[in-house]
Amino acid sequence: MSVEQCMDERLALRICYDELRQFLASMPPPAGARAAARQKLSHLVQFAELTTDVCDDVVRRTTNTHKNEVLHLSQKEGIEPKRNKARQMMANIPLLWMRDLSSDIVYELGRRYPEFTEA
């Protein structure tokens, strides 16, 4: 991965961090311990891809209106079909589960990139 790609990914993850924190601010906090789920995320190789896909779905959910309802994420060029299918299936995740996943991702982003938590 080039330095430019690394910087682009870091910027994208920072934007996702901010979007997910904004989404979480409008929700009650998750109940119970999330240690097991967070441990799994800490070892996930495709963490950046999961983060951007969850962020895209959160944006889809928060910008949906009755006049302009988007049922699921559209297919994205340049990514494998299995990931595109998973992106579309995220629309079926209940809101509270999405909150929990978003919370875990924000936690992991803060762990991996401590500078995100400083602003």
PDB file of N, CA and C in Angstrom:
ATOM      1  N   MET A   1       0.856  -1.181   0.000  1.00  0.00           N
ATOM      2  CA  MET A   1       0.000   0.000   0.000  1.00  0.00           C
ATOM      3  C   MET A   1       0.894   1.234   0.000  1.00  0.00           C
ATOM      4  N   SER A   2       0.621   2.158  -0.889  1.00  0.00           N
ATOM      5  CA  SER A   2       1.424   3.374  -0.968  1.00  0.00           C
ATOM      6  C   SER A   2       1.063   4.328   0.173  1.00  0.00           C
ATOM      7  N   VAL A   3       1.943   5.294   0.372  1.00  0.00           N
ATOM      8  CA  VAL A   3       1.691   6.302   1.410  1.00  0.00           C
ATOM      9  C   VAL A   3       0.401   7.064   1.096  1.00  0.00           C
ATOM     10  N   GLU A   4       0.184   7.373  -0.198  1.00  0.00           N
ATOM     11  CA  GLU A   4      -1.025   8.090  -0.598  1.00  0.00           C
ATOM     12  C   GLU A   4      -2.281   7.277  -0.290  1.00  0.00           C
ATOM     13  N   GLN A   5      -2.246   5.984  -0.598  1.00  0.00           N
ATOM     14  CA  GLN A   5      -3.387   5.116  -0.300  1.00  0.00           C
ATOM     15  C   GLN A   5      -3.615   5.043   1.202  1.00  0.00           C
ATOM     16  N   CYS A   6      -2.528   4.977   1.954  1.00  0.00           N
ATOM     17  CA  CYS A   6      -2.628   4.908   3.416  1.00  0.00           C
ATOM     18  C   CYS A   6      -3.270   6.187   3.968  1.00  0.00           C
ATOM     19  N   MET A   7      -2.871   7.344   3.430  1.00  0.00           N
ATOM     20  CA  MET A   7      -3.433   8.613   3.887  1.00  0.00           C
ATOM     21  C   MET A   7      -4.908   8.727   3.489  1.00  0.00           C
ATOM     22  N   ASP A   8      -5.240   8.253   2.272  1.00  0.00           N
ATOM     23  CA  ASP A   8      -6.636   8.274   1.847  1.00  0.00           C
ATOM     24  C   ASP A   8      -7.487   7.389   2.746  1.00  0.00           C
ATOM     25  N   GLU A   9      -6.972   6.206   3.096  1.00  0.00           N
ATOM     26  CA  GLU A   9      -7.714   5.300   3.969  1.00  0.00           C
ATOM     27  C   GLU A   9      -7.883   5.912   5.352  1.00  0.00           C
ATOM     28  N   ARG A  10      -6.829   6.533   5.873  1.00  0.00           N
ATOM     29  CA  ARG A  10      -6.898   7.158   7.192  1.00  0.00           C
ATOM     30  C   ARG A  10      -7.939   8.284   7.192  1.00  0.00           C
ATOM     31  N   LEU A  11      -7.972   9.088   6.132  1.00  0.00           N
ATOM     32  CA  LEU A  11      -8.958  10.165   6.029  1.00  0.00           C
ATOM     33  C   LEU A  11     -10.371   9.587   5.957  1.00  0.00           C
ATOM     34  N   ALA A  12     -10.552   8.538   5.156  1.00  0.00           N
ATOM     35  CA  ALA A  12     -11.868   7.898   5.052  1.00  0.00           C
ATOM     36  C   ALA A  12     -12.304   7.344   6.403  1.00  0.00           C
ATOM     37  N   LEU A  13     -11.368   6.735   7.127  1.00  0.00           N
ATOM     38  CA  LEU A  13     -11.706   6.190   8.450  1.00  0.00           C
ATOM     39  C   LEU A  13     -12.023   7.311   9.436  1.00  0.00           C
ATOM     40  N   ARG A  14     -11.344   8.439   9.322  1.00  0.00           N
ATOM     41  CA  ARG A  14     -11.641   9.577  10.199  1.00  0.00           C
ATOM     42  C   ARG A  14     -13.052  10.103   9.930  1.00  0.00           C
ATOM     43  N   ILE A  15     -13.412  10.191   8.669  1.00  0.00           N
ATOM     44  CA  ILE A  15     -14.769  10.641   8.306  1.00  0.00           C
ATOM     45  C   ILE A  15     -15.797   9.655   8.857  1.00  0.00           C
ATOM     46  N   CYS A  16     -15.516   8.358   8.719  1.00  0.00           N
ATOM     47  CA  CYS A  16     -16.426   7.336   9.259  1.00  0.00           C
ATOM     48  C   CYS A  16     -16.531   7.447  10.773  1.00  0.00           C
ATOM     49  N   TYR A  17     -15.409   7.670  11.424  1.00  0.00           N
ATOM     50  CA  TYR A  17     -15.404   7.839  12.884  1.00  0.00           C
ATOM     51  C   TYR A  17     -16.362   8.957  13.289  1.00  0.00           C
ATOM     52  N   ASP A  18     -16.255  10.093  12.611  1.00  0.00           N
ATOM     53  CA  ASP A  18     -17.121  11.238  12.928  1.00  0.00           C
ATOM     54  C   ASP A  18     -18.589  10.942  12.633  1.00  0.00           C
ATOM     55  N   GLU A  19     -18.865  10.298  11.491  1.00  0.00           N
ATOM     56  CA  GLU A  19     -20.250   9.943  11.124  1.00  0.00           C
ATOM     57  C   GLU A  19     -20.857   8.981  12.145  1.00  0.00           C
ATOM     58  N   LEU A  20     -20.091   7.973  12.527  1.00  0.00           N
ATOM     59  CA  LEU A  20     -20.613   6.972  13.472  1.00  0.00           C
ATOM     60  C   LEU A  20     -20.822   7.581  14.851  1.00  0.00           C
ATOM     61  N   ARG A  21     -19.932   8.459  15.274  1.00  0.00           N
ATOM     62  CA  ARG A  21     -20.119   9.133  16.571  1.00  0.00           C
ATOM     63  C   ARG A  21     -21.374   9.997  16.552  1.00  0.00           C
ATOM     64  N   GLN A  22     -21.623  10.664  15.442  1.00  0.00           N
ATOM     65  CA  GLN A  22     -22.832  11.479  15.322  1.00  0.00           C
ATOM     66  C   GLN A  22     -24.079  10.591  15.392  1.00  0.00           C
ATOM     67  N   PHE A  23     -24.053   9.457  14.705  1.00  0.00           N
ATOM     68  CA  PHE A  23     -25.159   8.496  14.748  1.00  0.00           C
ATOM     69  C   PHE A  23     -25.373   8.005  16.178  1.00  0.00           C
ATOM     70  N   LEU A  24     -24.297   7.670  16.869  1.00  0.00           N
ATOM     71  CA  LEU A  24     -24.402   7.147  18.235  1.00  0.00           C
ATOM     72  C   LEU A  24     -24.911   8.201  19.210  1.00  0.00           C
ATOM     73  N   ALA A  25     -24.635   9.454  18.946  1.00  0.00           N
ATOM     74  CA  ALA A  25     -25.091  10.533  19.835  1.00  0.00           C
ATOM     75  C   ALA A  25     -26.614  10.630  19.864  1.00  0.00           C
ATOM     76  N   SER A  26     -27.265  10.135  18.806  1.00  0.00           N
ATOM     77  CA  SER A  26     -28.724  10.203  18.739  1.00  0.00           C
ATOM     78  C   SER A  26     -29.397   8.956  19.303  1.00  0.00           C
ATOM     79  N   MET A  27     -28.598   8.030  19.823  1.00  0.00           N
ATOM     80  CA  MET A  27     -29.125   6.746  20.290  1.00  0.00           C
ATOM     81  C   MET A  27     -28.792   6.558  21.775  1.00  0.00           C
ATOM     82  N   PRO A  28     -29.595   5.746  22.486  1.00  0.00           N
ATOM     83  CA  PRO A  28     -29.197   5.402  23.852  1.00  0.00           C
ATOM     84  C   PRO A  28     -27.946   4.525  23.790  1.00  0.00           C
ATOM     85  N   PRO A  29     -27.080   4.597  24.796  1.00  0.00           N
ATOM     86  CA  PRO A  29     -25.845   3.805  24.757  1.00  0.00           C
ATOM     87  C   PRO A  29     -26.134   2.303  24.823  1.00  0.00           C
ATOM     88  N   PRO A  30     -25.239   1.489  24.239  1.00  0.00           N
ATOM     89  CA  PRO A  30     -25.427   0.035  24.296  1.00  0.00           C
ATOM     90  C   PRO A  30     -25.397  -0.461  25.744  1.00  0.00           C
ATOM     91  N   ALA A  31     -26.212  -1.442  26.007  1.00  0.00           N
ATOM     92  CA  ALA A  31     -26.244  -2.028  27.352  1.00  0.00           C
ATOM     93  C   ALA A  31     -25.336  -3.250  27.391  1.00  0.00           C
ATOM     94  N   GLY A  32     -24.729  -3.490  28.517  1.00  0.00           N
ATOM     95  CA  GLY A  32     -23.934  -4.701  28.687  1.00  0.00           C
ATOM     96  C   GLY A  32     -22.525  -4.571  28.144  1.00  0.00           C
ATOM     97  N   ALA A  33     -21.750  -5.589  28.442  1.00  0.00           N
ATOM     98  CA  ALA A  33     -20.357  -5.624  28.031  1.00  0.00           C
ATOM     99  C   ALA A  33     -20.238  -5.948  26.547  1.00  0.00           C
ATOM    100  N   ARG A  34     -19.321  -5.305  25.892  1.00  0.00           N
ATOM    101  CA  ARG A  34     -19.094  -5.505  24.460  1.00  0.00           C
ATOM    102  C   ARG A  34     -17.684  -6.047  24.218  1.00  0.00           C
ATOM    103  N   ALA A  35     -17.030  -6.572  25.257  1.00  0.00           N
ATOM    104  CA  ALA A  35     -15.630  -6.983  25.164  1.00  0.00           C
ATOM    105  C   ALA A  35     -15.400  -8.072  24.111  1.00  0.00           C
ATOM    106  N   ALA A  36     -16.263  -9.065  24.041  1.00  0.00           N
ATOM    107  CA  ALA A  36     -16.056 -10.166  23.092  1.00  0.00           C
ATOM    108  C   ALA A  36     -16.130  -9.667  21.654  1.00  0.00           C
ATOM    109  N   ALA A  37     -17.116  -8.852  21.343  1.00  0.00           N
ATOM    110  CA  ALA A  37     -17.255  -8.318  19.990  1.00  0.00           C
ATOM    111  C   ALA A  37     -16.074  -7.411  19.653  1.00  0.00           C
ATOM    112  N   ARG A  38     -15.655  -6.610  20.596  1.00  0.00           N
ATOM    113  CA  ARG A  38     -14.532  -5.698  20.355  1.00  0.00           C
ATOM    114  C   ARG A  38     -13.223  -6.457  20.176  1.00  0.00           C
ATOM    115  N   GLN A  39     -13.069  -7.552  20.874  1.00  0.00           N
ATOM    116  CA  GLN A  39     -11.878  -8.389  20.714  1.00  0.00           C
ATOM    117  C   GLN A  39     -11.806  -8.942  19.290  1.00  0.00           C
ATOM    118  N   LYS A  40     -12.933  -9.373  18.755  1.00  0.00           N
ATOM    119  CA  LYS A  40     -12.966  -9.893  17.383  1.00  0.00           C
ATOM    120  C   LYS A  40     -12.582  -8.806  16.379  1.00  0.00           C
ATOM    121  N   LEU A  41     -13.090  -7.592  16.584  1.00  0.00           N
ATOM    122  CA  LEU A  41     -12.762  -6.498  15.670  1.00  0.00           C
ATOM    123  C   LEU A  41     -11.273  -6.158  15.706  1.00  0.00           C
ATOM    124  N   SER A  42     -10.650  -6.326  16.864  1.00  0.00           N
ATOM    125  CA  SER A  42      -9.236  -5.969  16.980  1.00  0.00           C
ATOM    126  C   SER A  42      -8.351  -6.865  16.126  1.00  0.00           C
ATOM    127  N   HIS A  43      -8.841  -8.045  15.758  1.00  0.00           N
ATOM    128  CA  HIS A  43      -8.068  -8.980  14.939  1.00  0.00           C
ATOM    129  C   HIS A  43      -8.521  -9.020  13.486  1.00  0.00           C
ATOM    130  N   LEU A  44      -9.555  -8.288  13.138  1.00  0.00           N
ATOM    131  CA  LEU A  44     -10.131  -8.358  11.796  1.00  0.00           C
ATOM    132  C   LEU A  44      -9.217  -7.677  10.783  1.00  0.00           C
ATOM    133  N   VAL A  45      -8.822  -8.430   9.769  1.00  0.00           N
ATOM    134  CA  VAL A  45      -7.937  -7.902   8.729  1.00  0.00           C
ATOM    135  C   VAL A  45      -8.676  -6.895   7.848  1.00  0.00           C
ATOM    136  N   GLN A  46      -9.939  -7.157   7.546  1.00  0.00           N
ATOM    137  CA  GLN A  46     -10.721  -6.268   6.677  1.00  0.00           C
ATOM    138  C   GLN A  46     -11.467  -5.197   7.483  1.00  0.00           C
ATOM    139  N   PHE A  47     -10.871  -4.725   8.555  1.00  0.00           N
ATOM    140  CA  PHE A  47     -11.526  -3.765   9.431  1.00  0.00           C
ATOM    141  C   PHE A  47     -11.891  -2.473   8.686  1.00  0.00           C
ATOM    142  N   ALA A  48     -10.988  -1.956   7.852  1.00  0.00           N
ATOM    143  CA  ALA A  48     -11.260  -0.702   7.134  1.00  0.00           C
ATOM    144  C   ALA A  48     -12.456  -0.864   6.202  1.00  0.00           C
ATOM    145  N   GLU A  49     -12.549  -2.011   5.528  1.00  0.00           N
ATOM    146  CA  GLU A  49     -13.664  -2.251   4.625  1.00  0.00           C
ATOM    147  C   GLU A  49     -14.981  -2.345   5.398  1.00  0.00           C
ATOM    148  N   LEU A  50     -14.965  -3.066   6.512  1.00  0.00           N
ATOM    149  CA  LEU A  50     -16.169  -3.169   7.346  1.00  0.00           C
ATOM    150  C   LEU A  50     -16.583  -1.787   7.832  1.00  0.00           C
ATOM    151  N   THR A  51     -15.621  -1.009   8.273  1.00  0.00           N
ATOM    152  CA  THR A  51     -15.912   0.329   8.782  1.00  0.00           C
ATOM    153  C   THR A  51     -16.581   1.198   7.726  1.00  0.00           C
ATOM    154  N   THR A  52     -16.030   1.225   6.527  1.00  0.00           N
ATOM    155  CA  THR A  52     -16.625   2.069   5.491  1.00  0.00           C
ATOM    156  C   THR A  52     -18.000   1.556   5.068  1.00  0.00           C
ATOM    157  N   ASP A  53     -18.179   0.243   5.058  1.00  0.00           N
ATOM    158  CA  ASP A  53     -19.493  -0.311   4.687  1.00  0.00           C
ATOM    159  C   ASP A  53     -20.543   0.012   5.749  1.00  0.00           C
ATOM    160  N   VAL A  54     -20.187  -0.121   7.008  1.00  0.00           N
ATOM    161  CA  VAL A  54     -21.120   0.214   8.091  1.00  0.00           C
ATOM    162  C   VAL A  54     -21.419   1.711   8.062  1.00  0.00           C
ATOM    163  N   CYS A  55     -20.404   2.510   7.854  1.00  0.00           N
ATOM    164  CA  CYS A  55     -20.601   3.962   7.776  1.00  0.00           C
ATOM    165  C   CYS A  55     -21.543   4.314   6.628  1.00  0.00           C
ATOM    166  N   ASP A  56     -21.335   3.706   5.464  1.00  0.00           N
ATOM    167  CA  ASP A  56     -22.223   3.952   4.329  1.00  0.00           C
ATOM    168  C   ASP A  56     -23.669   3.594   4.677  1.00  0.00           C
ATOM    169  N   ASP A  57     -23.857   2.486   5.390  1.00  0.00           N
ATOM    170  CA  ASP A  57     -25.221   2.089   5.723  1.00  0.00           C
ATOM    171  C   ASP A  57     -25.827   3.005   6.777  1.00  0.00           C
ATOM    172  N   VAL A  58     -25.035   3.468   7.716  1.00  0.00           N
ATOM    173  CA  VAL A  58     -25.534   4.417   8.716  1.00  0.00           C
ATOM    174  C   VAL A  58     -25.966   5.714   8.032  1.00  0.00           C
ATOM    175  N   VAL A  59     -25.166   6.188   7.088  1.00  0.00           N
ATOM    176  CA  VAL A  59     -25.532   7.397   6.348  1.00  0.00           C
ATOM    177  C   VAL A  59     -26.823   7.147   5.569  1.00  0.00           C
ATOM    178  N   ARG A  60     -26.943   5.971   4.951  1.00  0.00           N
ATOM    179  CA  ARG A  60     -28.166   5.631   4.218  1.00  0.00           C
ATOM    180  C   ARG A  60     -29.366   5.678   5.151  1.00  0.00           C
ATOM    181  N   ARG A  61     -29.222   5.093   6.332  1.00  0.00           N
ATOM    182  CA  ARG A  61     -30.337   5.046   7.289  1.00  0.00           C
ATOM    183  C   ARG A  61     -30.714   6.438   7.791  1.00  0.00           C
ATOM    184  N   THR A  62     -29.729   7.268   8.054  1.00  0.00           N
ATOM    185  CA  THR A  62     -30.015   8.576   8.653  1.00  0.00           C
ATOM    186  C   THR A  62     -30.484   9.599   7.630  1.00  0.00           C
ATOM    187  N   THR A  63     -30.224   9.364   6.346  1.00  0.00           N
ATOM    188  CA  THR A  63     -30.665  10.318   5.329  1.00  0.00           C
ATOM    189  C   THR A  63     -31.915   9.860   4.592  1.00  0.00           C
ATOM    190  N   ASN A  64     -32.406   8.669   4.890  1.00  0.00           N
ATOM    191  CA  ASN A  64     -33.635   8.177   4.255  1.00  0.00           C
ATOM    192  C   ASN A  64     -34.823   9.051   4.642  1.00  0.00           C
ATOM    193  N   THR A  65     -35.674   9.311   3.666  1.00  0.00           N
ATOM    194  CA  THR A  65     -36.935  10.001   3.914  1.00  0.00           C
ATOM    195  C   THR A  65     -38.033   9.201   3.228  1.00  0.00           C
ATOM    196  N   HIS A  66     -39.260   9.498   3.539  1.00  0.00           N
ATOM    197  CA  HIS A  66     -40.371   8.779   2.903  1.00  0.00           C
ATOM    198  C   HIS A  66     -40.421   9.052   1.404  1.00  0.00           C
ATOM    199  N   LYS A  67     -40.029  10.253   0.996  1.00  0.00           N
ATOM    200  CA  LYS A  67     -40.031  10.589  -0.425  1.00  0.00           C
ATOM    201  C   LYS A  67     -38.866   9.946  -1.169  1.00  0.00           C
ATOM    202  N   ASN A  68     -37.753   9.780  -0.486  1.00  0.00           N
ATOM    203  CA  ASN A  68     -36.541   9.295  -1.134  1.00  0.00           C
ATOM    204  C   ASN A  68     -35.940   8.152  -0.321  1.00  0.00           C
ATOM    205  N   GLU A  69     -36.672   7.066  -0.202  1.00  0.00           N
ATOM    206  CA  GLU A  69     -36.207   5.958   0.616  1.00  0.00           C
ATOM    207  C   GLU A  69     -35.304   5.033  -0.196  1.00  0.00           C
ATOM    208  N   VAL A  70     -34.097   4.827   0.312  1.00  0.00           N
ATOM    209  CA  VAL A  70     -33.142   3.903  -0.292  1.00  0.00           C
ATOM    210  C   VAL A  70     -33.198   2.631   0.544  1.00  0.00           C
ATOM    211  N   LEU A  71     -33.584   1.527  -0.065  1.00  0.00           N
ATOM    212  CA  LEU A  71     -33.813   0.289   0.678  1.00  0.00           C
ATOM    213  C   LEU A  71     -32.534  -0.382   1.145  1.00  0.00           C
ATOM    214  N   HIS A  72     -31.464  -0.245   0.377  1.00  0.00           N
ATOM    215  CA  HIS A  72     -30.179  -0.837   0.753  1.00  0.00           C
ATOM    216  C   HIS A  72     -29.078  -0.133  -0.023  1.00  0.00           C
ATOM    217  N   LEU A  73     -27.850  -0.397   0.348  1.00  0.00           N
ATOM    218  CA  LEU A  73     -26.721   0.205  -0.353  1.00  0.00           C
ATOM    219  C   LEU A  73     -26.655  -0.323  -1.782  1.00  0.00           C
ATOM    220  N   SER A  74     -26.287   0.525  -2.684  1.00  0.00           N
ATOM    221  CA  SER A  74     -26.142   0.095  -4.072  1.00  0.00           C
ATOM    222  C   SER A  74     -24.807  -0.634  -4.252  1.00  0.00           C
ATOM    223  N   GLN A  75     -24.720  -1.362  -5.361  1.00  0.00           N
ATOM    224  CA  GLN A  75     -23.479  -2.078  -5.654  1.00  0.00           C
ATOM    225  C   GLN A  75     -22.378  -1.065  -5.915  1.00  0.00           C
ATOM    226  N   LYS A  76     -21.184  -1.417  -5.473  1.00  0.00           N
ATOM    227  CA  LYS A  76     -20.033  -0.547  -5.625  1.00  0.00           C
ATOM    228  C   LYS A  76     -19.076  -1.178  -6.632  1.00  0.00           C
ATOM    229  N   GLU A  77     -18.694  -0.420  -7.631  1.00  0.00           N
ATOM    230  CA  GLU A  77     -17.762  -0.924  -8.644  1.00  0.00           C
ATOM    231  C   GLU A  77     -16.401  -1.182  -8.003  1.00  0.00           C
ATOM    232  N   GLY A  78     -15.740  -2.224  -8.465  1.00  0.00           N
ATOM    233  CA  GLY A  78     -14.371  -2.488  -8.030  1.00  0.00           C
ATOM    234  C   GLY A  78     -14.229  -3.316  -6.772  1.00  0.00           C
ATOM    235  N   ILE A  79     -15.333  -3.764  -6.202  1.00  0.00           N
ATOM    236  CA  ILE A  79     -15.210  -4.652  -5.050  1.00  0.00           C
ATOM    237  C   ILE A  79     -15.851  -5.987  -5.385  1.00  0.00           C
ATOM    238  N   GLU A  80     -15.457  -7.002  -4.663  1.00  0.00           N
ATOM    239  CA  GLU A  80     -15.917  -8.347  -4.993  1.00  0.00           C
ATOM    240  C   GLU A  80     -17.417  -8.520  -4.736  1.00  0.00           C
ATOM    241  N   PRO A  81     -18.059  -9.403  -5.500  1.00  0.00           N
ATOM    242  CA  PRO A  81     -19.515  -9.599  -5.389  1.00  0.00           C
ATOM    243  C   PRO A  81     -19.967  -9.995  -3.986  1.00  0.00           C
ATOM    244  N   LYS A  82     -19.172 -10.785  -3.290  1.00  0.00           N
ATOM    245  CA  LYS A  82     -19.545 -11.214  -1.938  1.00  0.00           C
ATOM    246  C   LYS A  82     -19.662 -10.007  -0.993  1.00  0.00           C
ATOM    247  N   ARG A  83     -18.739  -9.075  -1.121  1.00  0.00           N
ATOM    248  CA  ARG A  83     -18.799  -7.875  -0.287  1.00  0.00           C
ATOM    249  C   ARG A  83     -19.985  -7.008  -0.675  1.00  0.00           C
ATOM    250  N   ASN A  84     -20.248  -6.871  -1.978  1.00  0.00           N
ATOM    251  CA  ASN A  84     -21.417  -6.107  -2.419  1.00  0.00           C
ATOM    252  C   ASN A  84     -22.701  -6.694  -1.853  1.00  0.00           C
ATOM    253  N   LYS A  85     -22.806  -8.017  -1.846  1.00  0.00           N
ATOM    254  CA  LYS A  85     -23.988  -8.692  -1.290  1.00  0.00           C
ATOM    255  C   LYS A  85     -24.104  -8.394   0.210  1.00  0.00           C
ATOM    256  N   ALA A  86     -22.973  -8.456   0.910  1.00  0.00           N
ATOM    257  CA  ALA A  86     -22.981  -8.161   2.349  1.00  0.00           C
ATOM    258  C   ALA A  86     -23.397  -6.710   2.608  1.00  0.00           C
ATOM    259  N   ARG A  87     -22.938  -5.793   1.758  1.00  0.00           N
ATOM    260  CA  ARG A  87     -23.330  -4.388   1.900  1.00  0.00           C
ATOM    261  C   ARG A  87     -24.840  -4.228   1.768  1.00  0.00           C
ATOM    262  N   GLN A  88     -25.447  -4.959   0.824  1.00  0.00           N
ATOM    263  CA  GLN A  88     -26.889  -4.871   0.642  1.00  0.00           C
ATOM    264  C   GLN A  88     -27.636  -5.520   1.803  1.00  0.00           C
ATOM    265  N   MET A  89     -27.089  -6.597   2.343  1.00  0.00           N
ATOM    266  CA  MET A  89     -27.756  -7.307   3.444  1.00  0.00           C
ATOM    267  C   MET A  89     -27.710  -6.524   4.749  1.00  0.00           C
ATOM    268  N   MET A  90     -26.815  -5.541   4.851  1.00  0.00           N
ATOM    269  CA  MET A  90     -26.747  -4.722   6.071  1.00  0.00           C
ATOM    270  C   MET A  90     -28.054  -4.003   6.345  1.00  0.00           C
ATOM    271  N   ALA A  91     -28.846  -3.772   5.313  1.00  0.00           N
ATOM    272  CA  ALA A  91     -30.133  -3.092   5.488  1.00  0.00           C
ATOM    273  C   ALA A  91     -31.064  -3.898   6.385  1.00  0.00           C
ATOM    274  N   ASN A  92     -30.817  -5.201   6.518  1.00  0.00           N
ATOM    275  CA  ASN A  92     -31.662  -6.069   7.347  1.00  0.00           C
ATOM    276  C   ASN A  92     -31.251  -6.092   8.814  1.00  0.00           C
ATOM    277  N   ILE A  93     -30.131  -5.480   9.139  1.00  0.00           N
ATOM    278  CA  ILE A  93     -29.664  -5.464  10.528  1.00  0.00           C
ATOM    279  C   ILE A  93     -30.557  -4.509  11.328  1.00  0.00           C
ATOM    280  N   PRO A  94     -31.126  -4.980  12.440  1.00  0.00           N
ATOM    281  CA  PRO A  94     -31.953  -4.088  13.262  1.00  0.00           C
ATOM    282  C   PRO A  94     -31.160  -2.873  13.756  1.00  0.00           C
ATOM    283  N   LEU A  95     -31.872  -1.787  13.986  1.00  0.00           N
ATOM    284  CA  LEU A  95     -31.249  -0.530  14.379  1.00  0.00           C
ATOM    285  C   LEU A  95     -30.374  -0.672  15.630  1.00  0.00           C
ATOM    286  N   LEU A  96     -30.849  -1.397  16.629  1.00  0.00           N
ATOM    287  CA  LEU A  96     -30.063  -1.533  17.859  1.00  0.00           C
ATOM    288  C   LEU A  96     -28.792  -2.349  17.640  1.00  0.00           C
ATOM    289  N   TRP A  97     -28.845  -3.325  16.756  1.00  0.00           N
ATOM    290  CA  TRP A  97     -27.629  -4.083  16.425  1.00  0.00           C
ATOM    291  C   TRP A  97     -26.646  -3.189  15.670  1.00  0.00           C
ATOM    292  N   MET A  98     -27.171  -2.344  14.797  1.00  0.00           N
ATOM    293  CA  MET A  98     -26.313  -1.409  14.067  1.00  0.00           C
ATOM    294  C   MET A  98     -25.667  -0.431  15.047  1.00  0.00           C
ATOM    295  N   ARG A  99     -26.431  -0.027  16.046  1.00  0.00           N
ATOM    296  CA  ARG A  99     -25.869   0.850  17.088  1.00  0.00           C
ATOM    297  C   ARG A  99     -24.719   0.157  17.795  1.00  0.00           C
ATOM    298  N   ASP A 100     -24.922  -1.105  18.179  1.00  0.00           N
ATOM    299  CA  ASP A 100     -23.873  -1.847  18.879  1.00  0.00           C
ATOM    300  C   ASP A 100     -22.636  -2.016  18.003  1.00  0.00           C
ATOM    301  N   LEU A 101     -22.835  -2.373  16.750  1.00  0.00           N
ATOM    302  CA  LEU A 101     -21.716  -2.536  15.824  1.00  0.00           C
ATOM    303  C   LEU A 101     -20.996  -1.205  15.624  1.00  0.00           C
ATOM    304  N   SER A 102     -21.746  -0.137  15.467  1.00  0.00           N
ATOM    305  CA  SER A 102     -21.147   1.192  15.303  1.00  0.00           C
ATOM    306  C   SER A 102     -20.335   1.581  16.535  1.00  0.00           C
ATOM    307  N   SER A 103     -20.866   1.285  17.696  1.00  0.00           N
ATOM    308  CA  SER A 103     -20.161   1.574  18.944  1.00  0.00           C
ATOM    309  C   SER A 103     -18.848   0.800  19.022  1.00  0.00           C
ATOM    310  N   ASP A 104     -18.892  -0.455  18.643  1.00  0.00           N
ATOM    311  CA  ASP A 104     -17.672  -1.279  18.660  1.00  0.00           C
ATOM    312  C   ASP A 104     -16.643  -0.760  17.655  1.00  0.00           C
ATOM    313  N   ILE A 105     -17.108  -0.334  16.496  1.00  0.00           N
ATOM    314  CA  ILE A 105     -16.200   0.191  15.476  1.00  0.00           C
ATOM    315  C   ILE A 105     -15.579   1.506  15.940  1.00  0.00           C
ATOM    316  N   VAL A 106     -16.376   2.381  16.534  1.00  0.00           N
ATOM    317  CA  VAL A 106     -15.843   3.648  17.055  1.00  0.00           C
ATOM    318  C   VAL A 106     -14.790   3.367  18.124  1.00  0.00           C
ATOM    319  N   TYR A 107     -15.063   2.417  18.989  1.00  0.00           N
ATOM    320  CA  TYR A 107     -14.100   2.041  20.021  1.00  0.00           C
ATOM    321  C   TYR A 107     -12.789   1.565  19.382  1.00  0.00           C
ATOM    322  N   GLU A 108     -12.899   0.686  18.386  1.00  0.00           N
ATOM    323  CA  GLU A 108     -11.709   0.130  17.736  1.00  0.00           C
ATOM    324  C   GLU A 108     -10.957   1.194  16.944  1.00  0.00           C
ATOM    325  N   LEU A 109     -11.671   2.100  16.287  1.00  0.00           N
ATOM    326  CA  LEU A 109     -11.005   3.200  15.587  1.00  0.00           C
ATOM    327  C   LEU A 109     -10.218   4.069  16.568  1.00  0.00           C
ATOM    328  N   GLY A 110     -10.809   4.335  17.717  1.00  0.00           N
ATOM    329  CA  GLY A 110     -10.114   5.108  18.738  1.00  0.00           C
ATOM    330  C   GLY A 110      -8.893   4.395  19.285  1.00  0.00           C
ATOM    331  N   ARG A 111      -8.966   3.075  19.351  1.00  0.00           N
ATOM    332  CA  ARG A 111      -7.817   2.293  19.821  1.00  0.00           C
ATOM    333  C   ARG A 111      -6.696   2.295  18.780  1.00  0.00           C
ATOM    334  N   ARG A 112      -7.069   2.106  17.508  1.00  0.00           N
ATOM    335  CA  ARG A 112      -6.066   2.042  16.441  1.00  0.00           C
ATOM    336  C   ARG A 112      -5.505   3.421  16.083  1.00  0.00           C
ATOM    337  N   TYR A 113      -6.348   4.436  16.186  1.00  0.00           N
ATOM    338  CA  TYR A 113      -5.955   5.801  15.817  1.00  0.00           C
ATOM    339  C   TYR A 113      -6.293   6.742  16.971  1.00  0.00           C
ATOM    340  N   PRO A 114      -5.476   6.787  17.994  1.00  0.00           N
ATOM    341  CA  PRO A 114      -5.794   7.607  19.185  1.00  0.00           C
ATOM    342  C   PRO A 114      -6.012   9.087  18.859  1.00  0.00           C
ATOM    343  N   GLU A 115      -5.411   9.567  17.772  1.00  0.00           N
ATOM    344  CA  GLU A 115      -5.597  10.977  17.404  1.00  0.00           C
ATOM    345  C   GLU A 115      -7.046  11.278  17.038  1.00  0.00           C
ATOM    346  N   PHE A 116      -7.825  10.271  16.652  1.00  0.00           N
ATOM    347  CA  PHE A 116      -9.244  10.488  16.339  1.00  0.00           C
ATOM    348  C   PHE A 116     -10.015  10.932  17.592  1.00  0.00           C
ATOM    349  N   THR A 117      -9.623  10.459  18.735  1.00  0.00           N
ATOM    350  CA  THR A 117     -10.353  10.751  19.974  1.00  0.00           C
ATOM    351  C   THR A 117      -9.970  12.102  20.572  1.00  0.00           C
ATOM    352  N   GLU A 118      -8.917  12.717  20.045  1.00  0.00           N
ATOM    353  CA  GLU A 118      -8.407  13.959  20.621  1.00  0.00           C
ATOM    354  C   GLU A 118      -9.178  15.198  20.187  1.00  0.00           C
ATOM    355  N   ALA A 119      -9.921  15.092  19.080  1.00  0.00           N
ATOM    356  CA  ALA A 119     -10.620  16.296  18.572  1.00  0.00           C
ATOM    357  C   ALA A 119     -12.029  16.359  19.080  1.00  0.00           C
TER     358      ALA A 119
END
